[in-house]
Amino acid sequence: MKRETSKKVKIVFADKRVNAAYLKLKKSKYGEDKELLACIDDAIDKLEANPFCGIEIPKNIIPKIYFQKYGVDNLWKYDMPEGWRLIYTNVSDEVQILAVLLEWFDHKEYERRFHY
C-alpha cells in the first residue's frame, strides 16, 4: 500500500561513505557512471515527492547488517533501470520525513545482500 504524506520530505545520505560514492559518480566522466547518476537523481526526485514510492521490504527479510550498521526499523528498495536497486529507510517526526539513502547496487549484488 502506497502512503502519501503532507510532511516535508528531505533526502539524506546515511553516512560519508554513501555521500562520497554519490559525489564520485557526479565527477565521473564515464558514460555508465553518468547513466547510474541519472537513475539515482531520478529516484531522489520521486522520493522527494513520495518517500513511500519504493517497495517496503518485510521486516523478517531485512539483512542484519542494516539493523547493526544503521539501526533501521524499516527498509525500502527502489528499482532503477538495468537491475540497479536503491536501498533506503524512512525516519519521521511530526514535521518531516527523512528518506535516508543507504546504498545502491546492481541486481547481482542485491541478490547477494538479500540472500536470494
Protein backbone atom coordinates (compact mmCIF):
# COMPACT_ATOMS: atom_id res chain seq x y z
CA MET A 1 0.00 0.00 0.00
CA LYS A 2 1.48 3.32 -1.05
CA ARG A 3 1.29 6.06 1.53
CA GLU A 4 1.12 9.74 0.73
CA THR A 5 2.32 12.39 3.11
CA SER A 6 1.80 16.07 3.71
CA LYS A 7 5.03 16.27 5.71
CA LYS A 8 8.14 17.88 4.28
CA VAL A 9 10.47 15.26 2.79
CA LYS A 10 14.24 15.57 2.88
CA ILE A 11 16.68 13.20 1.19
CA VAL A 12 19.94 12.49 3.04
CA PHE A 13 22.81 10.07 2.73
CA ALA A 14 23.31 7.54 5.52
CA ASP A 15 26.96 8.39 6.02
CA LYS A 16 30.07 9.93 4.48
CA ARG A 17 30.82 6.78 2.51
CA VAL A 18 27.48 6.89 0.68
CA ASN A 19 27.80 10.63 0.09
CA ALA A 20 31.33 10.14 -1.26
CA ALA A 21 30.14 7.42 -3.66
CA TYR A 22 27.45 9.80 -4.96
CA LEU A 23 29.95 12.65 -5.39
CA LYS A 24 32.33 10.28 -7.20
CA LEU A 25 29.55 9.47 -9.69
CA LYS A 26 28.94 13.20 -10.17
CA LYS A 27 32.61 13.79 -11.03
CA SER A 28 32.99 10.74 -13.25
CA LYS A 29 33.34 11.11 -17.00
CA TYR A 30 32.34 7.51 -17.72
CA GLY A 31 29.05 7.00 -19.53
CA GLU A 32 27.95 4.16 -17.26
CA ASP A 33 28.51 6.29 -14.17
CA LYS A 34 26.57 9.18 -15.72
CA GLU A 35 23.67 6.81 -16.50
CA LEU A 36 23.66 5.48 -12.93
CA LEU A 37 23.81 9.03 -11.55
CA ALA A 38 20.82 10.00 -13.71
CA CYS A 39 18.89 6.99 -12.34
CA ILE A 40 19.77 7.90 -8.74
CA ASP A 41 18.82 11.54 -9.31
CA ASP A 42 15.50 10.44 -10.81
CA ALA A 43 14.89 8.20 -7.79
CA ILE A 44 15.70 11.10 -5.46
CA ASP A 45 13.15 13.28 -7.26
CA LYS A 46 10.50 10.59 -6.89
CA LEU A 47 11.35 10.02 -3.21
CA GLU A 48 11.07 13.75 -2.52
CA ALA A 49 7.54 13.62 -3.96
CA ASN A 50 6.63 10.40 -2.12
CA PRO A 51 9.13 8.65 0.20
CA PHE A 52 6.90 5.56 0.17
CA CYS A 53 7.09 5.09 -3.62
CA GLY A 54 9.52 2.21 -3.32
CA ILE A 55 8.79 -1.33 -2.24
CA GLU A 56 8.80 -1.92 1.51
CA ILE A 57 10.96 -4.89 2.45
CA PRO A 58 9.32 -7.18 5.02
CA LYS A 59 11.00 -6.88 8.41
CA ASN A 60 11.71 -10.61 8.59
CA ILE A 61 13.96 -10.48 5.50
CA ILE A 62 15.87 -7.27 6.24
CA PRO A 63 19.56 -8.24 6.30
CA LYS A 64 21.09 -7.92 9.79
CA ILE A 65 23.73 -5.51 8.53
CA TYR A 66 21.08 -2.79 8.21
CA PHE A 67 19.97 -3.27 11.82
CA GLN A 68 23.57 -3.38 13.05
CA LYS A 69 25.01 -0.54 10.98
CA TYR A 70 22.06 1.86 10.78
CA GLY A 71 19.56 0.71 13.42
CA VAL A 72 16.74 0.71 10.87
CA ASP A 73 13.22 -0.39 11.70
CA ASN A 74 12.03 -0.15 8.08
CA LEU A 75 13.74 -0.72 4.75
CA TRP A 76 12.68 0.14 1.24
CA LYS A 77 14.03 -0.60 -2.21
CA TYR A 78 13.56 1.49 -5.27
CA ASP A 79 14.01 -0.37 -8.54
CA MET A 80 16.06 1.55 -11.07
CA PRO A 81 16.70 0.71 -14.73
CA GLU A 82 19.02 -2.13 -15.75
CA GLY A 83 18.57 -4.03 -12.48
CA TRP A 84 20.01 -1.37 -10.16
CA ARG A 85 18.49 -1.08 -6.69
CA LEU A 86 18.47 1.87 -4.33
CA ILE A 87 18.07 0.88 -0.67
CA TYR A 88 16.72 3.43 1.80
CA THR A 89 14.91 3.86 5.08
CA ASN A 90 12.38 6.44 6.21
CA VAL A 91 12.74 8.28 9.50
CA SER A 92 9.89 10.52 10.57
CA ASP A 93 8.89 13.01 13.22
CA GLU A 94 5.90 15.36 13.49
CA VAL A 95 7.31 17.78 10.91
CA GLN A 96 9.27 15.89 8.28
CA ILE A 97 10.29 12.58 6.80
CA LEU A 98 13.93 11.83 6.10
CA ALA A 99 14.47 9.37 3.28
CA VAL A 100 17.92 8.07 4.18
CA LEU A 101 19.81 6.58 1.23
CA LEU A 102 21.81 3.60 2.48
CA GLU A 103 23.31 2.18 -0.70
CA TRP A 104 22.73 1.23 -4.31
CA PHE A 105 23.92 -1.75 -6.22
CA ASP A 106 23.29 -3.89 -9.26
CA HIS A 107 20.89 -6.81 -9.21
CA LYS A 108 23.64 -9.38 -8.62
CA GLU A 109 24.89 -7.57 -5.50
CA TYR A 110 21.29 -7.05 -4.36
CA GLU A 111 20.66 -10.80 -4.55
CA ARG A 112 23.84 -11.46 -2.57
CA ARG A 113 22.92 -8.95 0.14
CA PHE A 114 19.39 -10.29 0.50
CA HIS A 115 20.36 -13.97 0.04
CA TYR A 116 18.07 -14.62 -2.92
